[in-house]
Amino acid sequence: MARFLIPLALFIALAIFLGIGLTRDPKLVPSPLIDKPSPAFELSRLYEPEQKFSEKEFLGKVSIFNVWASWCAACRQEHPFLMTLAKENAVTIYGLNYKDTREDAKRWLMQYGGNPYKAIAYDDTGRAGMDWGVYGVPETFLIDKKGIVRYKHVGPLHPQVWQEQILPFIQKLRAE
């Protein structure tokens, strides 16, 4: 009898874990960086390779750090919305060009409507992206005035997520 109960118990436990997993939103990827200082890094800038970009850029203002690449189809979908945010001066937008070539990244920005970023860090090896916990692009981080990562969005930004999640958070952080 026990010979049948053990496999049955294992099957039931597995079914429960699978059921719980299927109810979770795959876009909600918890980040170990939330409420911690942004990872330390120093990279060359995409357009000015002789100049450096580091986590110090985030200090003193609420900003978003958007990870993108020219080879990313979803980045193409998100780009017009980033351009709108930049034109409206809604928030300071910084970029991390991830596992790309400088030439492809610059060409891509020209082809798809321009550069919405105040500055772009160039991460051709993906090392900084790994420190940020990036596993796919696009990913966007919300960073407070003290350089603390407060929110992570996986996937393309779009008006609904901006209005419902990110903008209210930005307004709260600016009031602090």
C-alpha atoms as a PDB file:
ATOM      1  CA  MET A   1       0.000   0.000   0.000  1.00  0.00           C
ATOM      2  CA  ALA A   2       2.821   2.434   0.899  1.00  0.00           C
ATOM      3  CA  ARG A   3       4.335   1.557  -2.441  1.00  0.00           C
ATOM      4  CA  PHE A   4       1.413   3.364  -4.128  1.00  0.00           C
ATOM      5  CA  LEU A   5       1.048   6.233  -1.626  1.00  0.00           C
ATOM      6  CA  ILE A   6       4.581   7.612  -2.038  1.00  0.00           C
ATOM      7  CA  PRO A   7       4.310   8.134  -5.848  1.00  0.00           C
ATOM      8  CA  LEU A   8       0.797   9.539  -5.355  1.00  0.00           C
ATOM      9  CA  ALA A   9       2.042  12.019  -2.726  1.00  0.00           C
ATOM     10  CA  LEU A  10       4.922  13.077  -4.983  1.00  0.00           C
ATOM     11  CA  PHE A  11       2.541  13.544  -7.899  1.00  0.00           C
ATOM     12  CA  ILE A  12       0.179  15.683  -5.794  1.00  0.00           C
ATOM     13  CA  ALA A  13       3.068  17.850  -4.504  1.00  0.00           C
ATOM     14  CA  LEU A  14       4.366  18.336  -8.038  1.00  0.00           C
ATOM     15  CA  ALA A  15       0.874  19.240  -9.294  1.00  0.00           C
ATOM     16  CA  ILE A  16       0.502  21.842  -6.518  1.00  0.00           C
ATOM     17  CA  PHE A  17       3.861  23.489  -7.336  1.00  0.00           C
ATOM     18  CA  LEU A  18       3.037  23.477 -11.049  1.00  0.00           C
ATOM     19  CA  GLY A  19      -0.382  24.991 -10.360  1.00  0.00           C
ATOM     20  CA  ILE A  20       1.143  27.788  -8.278  1.00  0.00           C
ATOM     21  CA  GLY A  21       3.734  28.484 -10.966  1.00  0.00           C
ATOM     22  CA  LEU A  22       1.099  28.782 -13.681  1.00  0.00           C
ATOM     23  CA  THR A  23      -0.765  31.482 -11.744  1.00  0.00           C
ATOM     24  CA  ARG A  24       2.251  33.819 -11.631  1.00  0.00           C
ATOM     25  CA  ASP A  25       2.863  36.605 -14.137  1.00  0.00           C
ATOM     26  CA  PRO A  26       6.141  35.919 -16.000  1.00  0.00           C
ATOM     27  CA  LYS A  27       6.669  39.697 -16.417  1.00  0.00           C
ATOM     28  CA  LEU A  28       6.938  40.073 -12.637  1.00  0.00           C
ATOM     29  CA  VAL A  29      10.505  39.002 -12.157  1.00  0.00           C
ATOM     30  CA  PRO A  30      11.679  39.839  -8.662  1.00  0.00           C
ATOM     31  CA  SER A  31      14.993  41.641  -8.625  1.00  0.00           C
ATOM     32  CA  PRO A  32      17.462  41.337  -5.769  1.00  0.00           C
ATOM     33  CA  LEU A  33      18.437  44.959  -6.524  1.00  0.00           C
ATOM     34  CA  ILE A  34      15.146  46.470  -5.370  1.00  0.00           C
ATOM     35  CA  ASP A  35      15.750  48.920  -2.489  1.00  0.00           C
ATOM     36  CA  LYS A  36      19.527  48.538  -2.845  1.00  0.00           C
ATOM     37  CA  PRO A  37      22.118  50.875  -4.376  1.00  0.00           C
ATOM     38  CA  SER A  38      22.552  50.455  -8.094  1.00  0.00           C
ATOM     39  CA  PRO A  39      25.499  48.220  -8.976  1.00  0.00           C
ATOM     40  CA  ALA A  40      28.829  49.995  -9.323  1.00  0.00           C
ATOM     41  CA  PHE A  41      30.075  50.143 -12.901  1.00  0.00           C
ATOM     42  CA  GLU A  42      32.098  52.325 -15.215  1.00  0.00           C
ATOM     43  CA  LEU A  43      31.647  52.000 -18.964  1.00  0.00           C
ATOM     44  CA  SER A  44      32.477  54.119 -21.975  1.00  0.00           C
ATOM     45  CA  ARG A  45      29.643  56.113 -23.484  1.00  0.00           C
ATOM     46  CA  LEU A  46      28.141  55.015 -26.772  1.00  0.00           C
ATOM     47  CA  TYR A  47      28.689  58.336 -28.554  1.00  0.00           C
ATOM     48  CA  GLU A  48      31.720  59.563 -26.602  1.00  0.00           C
ATOM     49  CA  PRO A  49      33.895  56.472 -25.995  1.00  0.00           C
ATOM     50  CA  GLU A  50      36.560  58.562 -24.266  1.00  0.00           C
ATOM     51  CA  GLN A  51      34.027  59.645 -21.612  1.00  0.00           C
ATOM     52  CA  LYS A  52      32.872  57.334 -18.832  1.00  0.00           C
ATOM     53  CA  PHE A  53      29.373  56.556 -17.586  1.00  0.00           C
ATOM     54  CA  SER A  54      28.907  55.250 -14.049  1.00  0.00           C
ATOM     55  CA  GLU A  55      26.237  54.772 -11.417  1.00  0.00           C
ATOM     56  CA  LYS A  56      27.095  58.281 -10.140  1.00  0.00           C
ATOM     57  CA  GLU A  57      25.026  59.690 -13.043  1.00  0.00           C
ATOM     58  CA  PHE A  58      21.870  58.667 -11.183  1.00  0.00           C
ATOM     59  CA  LEU A  59      22.501  60.766  -8.074  1.00  0.00           C
ATOM     60  CA  GLY A  60      20.337  63.827  -7.376  1.00  0.00           C
ATOM     61  CA  LYS A  61      17.391  62.999  -9.610  1.00  0.00           C
ATOM     62  CA  VAL A  62      14.796  60.329 -10.201  1.00  0.00           C
ATOM     63  CA  SER A  63      15.709  58.534 -13.427  1.00  0.00           C
ATOM     64  CA  ILE A  64      15.122  55.421 -15.444  1.00  0.00           C
ATOM     65  CA  PHE A  65      17.853  53.146 -16.755  1.00  0.00           C
ATOM     66  CA  ASN A  66      16.719  51.348 -19.891  1.00  0.00           C
ATOM     67  CA  VAL A  67      18.614  48.312 -21.171  1.00  0.00           C
ATOM     68  CA  TRP A  68      18.316  47.902 -24.938  1.00  0.00           C
ATOM     69  CA  ALA A  69      20.060  46.557 -28.040  1.00  0.00           C
ATOM     70  CA  SER A  70      19.822  46.968 -31.807  1.00  0.00           C
ATOM     71  CA  TRP A  71      19.156  43.244 -32.214  1.00  0.00           C
ATOM     72  CA  CYS A  72      16.143  43.375 -29.864  1.00  0.00           C
ATOM     73  CA  ALA A  73      12.740  43.296 -31.607  1.00  0.00           C
ATOM     74  CA  ALA A  74      10.843  44.374 -28.468  1.00  0.00           C
ATOM     75  CA  CYS A  75      13.165  47.391 -28.126  1.00  0.00           C
ATOM     76  CA  ARG A  76      11.892  48.561 -31.516  1.00  0.00           C
ATOM     77  CA  GLN A  77       8.345  48.336 -30.141  1.00  0.00           C
ATOM     78  CA  GLU A  78       9.247  50.383 -27.044  1.00  0.00           C
ATOM     79  CA  HIS A  79      11.382  53.060 -28.729  1.00  0.00           C
ATOM     80  CA  PRO A  80       8.594  55.438 -29.905  1.00  0.00           C
ATOM     81  CA  PHE A  81       7.264  55.579 -26.351  1.00  0.00           C
ATOM     82  CA  LEU A  82      10.737  56.401 -24.985  1.00  0.00           C
ATOM     83  CA  MET A  83      10.993  59.185 -27.577  1.00  0.00           C
ATOM     84  CA  THR A  84       7.663  60.580 -26.349  1.00  0.00           C
ATOM     85  CA  LEU A  85       8.851  60.509 -22.727  1.00  0.00           C
ATOM     86  CA  ALA A  86      12.060  62.290 -23.716  1.00  0.00           C
ATOM     87  CA  LYS A  87      10.183  65.001 -25.662  1.00  0.00           C
ATOM     88  CA  GLU A  88       7.835  65.536 -22.712  1.00  0.00           C
ATOM     89  CA  ASN A  89      10.838  65.638 -20.360  1.00  0.00           C
ATOM     90  CA  ALA A  90       8.843  63.273 -18.133  1.00  0.00           C
ATOM     91  CA  VAL A  91      11.932  61.768 -16.495  1.00  0.00           C
ATOM     92  CA  THR A  92      15.671  61.594 -17.111  1.00  0.00           C
ATOM     93  CA  ILE A  93      16.285  58.518 -19.254  1.00  0.00           C
ATOM     94  CA  TYR A  94      19.651  56.792 -19.317  1.00  0.00           C
ATOM     95  CA  GLY A  95      20.431  53.821 -21.510  1.00  0.00           C
ATOM     96  CA  LEU A  96      22.577  50.720 -21.342  1.00  0.00           C
ATOM     97  CA  ASN A  97      23.378  49.403 -24.806  1.00  0.00           C
ATOM     98  CA  TYR A  98      23.719  45.686 -24.162  1.00  0.00           C
ATOM     99  CA  LYS A  99      25.850  43.160 -26.105  1.00  0.00           C
ATOM    100  CA  ASP A 100      25.856  45.250 -29.248  1.00  0.00           C
ATOM    101  CA  THR A 101      28.294  47.015 -31.561  1.00  0.00           C
ATOM    102  CA  ARG A 102      28.641  50.785 -31.467  1.00  0.00           C
ATOM    103  CA  GLU A 103      27.946  51.053 -35.181  1.00  0.00           C
ATOM    104  CA  ASP A 104      24.779  48.945 -35.040  1.00  0.00           C
ATOM    105  CA  ALA A 105      23.481  50.817 -31.975  1.00  0.00           C
ATOM    106  CA  LYS A 106      24.032  54.271 -33.508  1.00  0.00           C
ATOM    107  CA  ARG A 107      22.516  53.196 -36.830  1.00  0.00           C
ATOM    108  CA  TRP A 108      19.512  51.684 -35.003  1.00  0.00           C
ATOM    109  CA  LEU A 109      18.857  54.927 -33.075  1.00  0.00           C
ATOM    110  CA  MET A 110      18.939  56.959 -36.305  1.00  0.00           C
ATOM    111  CA  GLN A 111      16.724  54.453 -38.112  1.00  0.00           C
ATOM    112  CA  TYR A 112      14.052  54.290 -35.401  1.00  0.00           C
ATOM    113  CA  GLY A 113      13.529  57.946 -34.619  1.00  0.00           C
ATOM    114  CA  GLY A 114      16.442  59.292 -32.600  1.00  0.00           C
ATOM    115  CA  ASN A 115      18.070  59.143 -29.206  1.00  0.00           C
ATOM    116  CA  PRO A 116      15.796  59.513 -26.152  1.00  0.00           C
ATOM    117  CA  TYR A 117      18.667  59.018 -23.679  1.00  0.00           C
ATOM    118  CA  LYS A 118      20.539  61.698 -21.766  1.00  0.00           C
ATOM    119  CA  ALA A 119      23.546  59.363 -21.906  1.00  0.00           C
ATOM    120  CA  ILE A 120      24.128  55.782 -23.009  1.00  0.00           C
ATOM    121  CA  ALA A 121      26.551  53.363 -21.382  1.00  0.00           C
ATOM    122  CA  TYR A 122      28.091  50.918 -23.826  1.00  0.00           C
ATOM    123  CA  ASP A 123      28.235  47.322 -22.515  1.00  0.00           C
ATOM    124  CA  ASP A 124      29.520  45.260 -25.425  1.00  0.00           C
ATOM    125  CA  THR A 125      30.475  42.264 -23.259  1.00  0.00           C
ATOM    126  CA  GLY A 126      27.292  42.203 -21.166  1.00  0.00           C
ATOM    127  CA  ARG A 127      29.255  42.255 -17.906  1.00  0.00           C
ATOM    128  CA  ALA A 128      27.466  45.310 -16.460  1.00  0.00           C
ATOM    129  CA  GLY A 129      24.149  43.850 -17.585  1.00  0.00           C
ATOM    130  CA  MET A 130      24.918  40.719 -15.605  1.00  0.00           C
ATOM    131  CA  ASP A 131      25.598  42.840 -12.509  1.00  0.00           C
ATOM    132  CA  TRP A 132      22.180  44.429 -12.993  1.00  0.00           C
ATOM    133  CA  GLY A 133      20.545  41.001 -13.290  1.00  0.00           C
ATOM    134  CA  VAL A 134      19.571  41.498 -16.920  1.00  0.00           C
ATOM    135  CA  TYR A 135      18.567  38.298 -18.642  1.00  0.00           C
ATOM    136  CA  GLY A 136      16.771  39.800 -21.629  1.00  0.00           C
ATOM    137  CA  VAL A 137      16.079  43.140 -23.212  1.00  0.00           C
ATOM    138  CA  PRO A 138      14.399  45.487 -22.876  1.00  0.00           C
ATOM    139  CA  GLU A 139      14.478  45.901 -19.129  1.00  0.00           C
ATOM    140  CA  THR A 140      13.959  49.182 -17.302  1.00  0.00           C
ATOM    141  CA  PHE A 141      14.989  50.174 -13.791  1.00  0.00           C
ATOM    142  CA  LEU A 142      13.591  53.096 -11.794  1.00  0.00           C
ATOM    143  CA  ILE A 143      16.268  54.756  -9.675  1.00  0.00           C
ATOM    144  CA  ASP A 144      15.672  57.301  -6.916  1.00  0.00           C
ATOM    145  CA  LYS A 145      17.660  60.465  -6.112  1.00  0.00           C
ATOM    146  CA  LYS A 146      20.059  58.534  -3.894  1.00  0.00           C
ATOM    147  CA  GLY A 147      20.910  55.979  -6.582  1.00  0.00           C
ATOM    148  CA  ILE A 148      18.708  53.257  -5.075  1.00  0.00           C
ATOM    149  CA  VAL A 149      16.961  50.873  -7.465  1.00  0.00           C
ATOM    150  CA  ARG A 150      13.265  51.077  -6.631  1.00  0.00           C
ATOM    151  CA  TYR A 151      11.506  49.196  -9.438  1.00  0.00           C
ATOM    152  CA  LYS A 152      12.243  46.884 -12.365  1.00  0.00           C
ATOM    153  CA  HIS A 153      10.103  46.408 -15.456  1.00  0.00           C
ATOM    154  CA  VAL A 154      10.777  43.488 -17.791  1.00  0.00           C
ATOM    155  CA  GLY A 155       9.669  43.937 -21.393  1.00  0.00           C
ATOM    156  CA  PRO A 156       8.849  47.007 -23.442  1.00  0.00           C
ATOM    157  CA  LEU A 157       7.565  50.133 -21.732  1.00  0.00           C
ATOM    158  CA  HIS A 158       4.173  51.267 -22.963  1.00  0.00           C
ATOM    159  CA  PRO A 159       1.611  53.906 -21.910  1.00  0.00           C
ATOM    160  CA  GLN A 160      -0.449  51.607 -19.679  1.00  0.00           C
ATOM    161  CA  VAL A 161       2.457  50.400 -17.514  1.00  0.00           C
ATOM    162  CA  TRP A 162       3.793  53.969 -17.452  1.00  0.00           C
ATOM    163  CA  GLN A 163       0.498  55.479 -16.231  1.00  0.00           C
ATOM    164  CA  GLU A 164      -0.453  52.720 -13.815  1.00  0.00           C
ATOM    165  CA  GLN A 165       2.888  51.733 -12.283  1.00  0.00           C
ATOM    166  CA  ILE A 166       5.919  53.827 -13.123  1.00  0.00           C
ATOM    167  CA  LEU A 167       4.606  57.420 -13.170  1.00  0.00           C
ATOM    168  CA  PRO A 168       2.892  57.170  -9.751  1.00  0.00           C
ATOM    169  CA  PHE A 169       6.121  55.721  -8.340  1.00  0.00           C
ATOM    170  CA  ILE A 170       8.155  58.567  -9.893  1.00  0.00           C
ATOM    171  CA  GLN A 171       5.808  61.158  -8.393  1.00  0.00           C
ATOM    172  CA  LYS A 172       6.149  59.534  -4.978  1.00  0.00           C
ATOM    173  CA  LEU A 173       9.956  59.452  -5.230  1.00  0.00           C
ATOM    174  CA  ARG A 174      10.138  63.096  -6.343  1.00  0.00           C
ATOM    175  CA  ALA A 175       8.058  64.108  -3.319  1.00  0.00           C
ATOM    176  CA  GLU A 176      10.473  62.403  -0.900  1.00  0.00           C
END
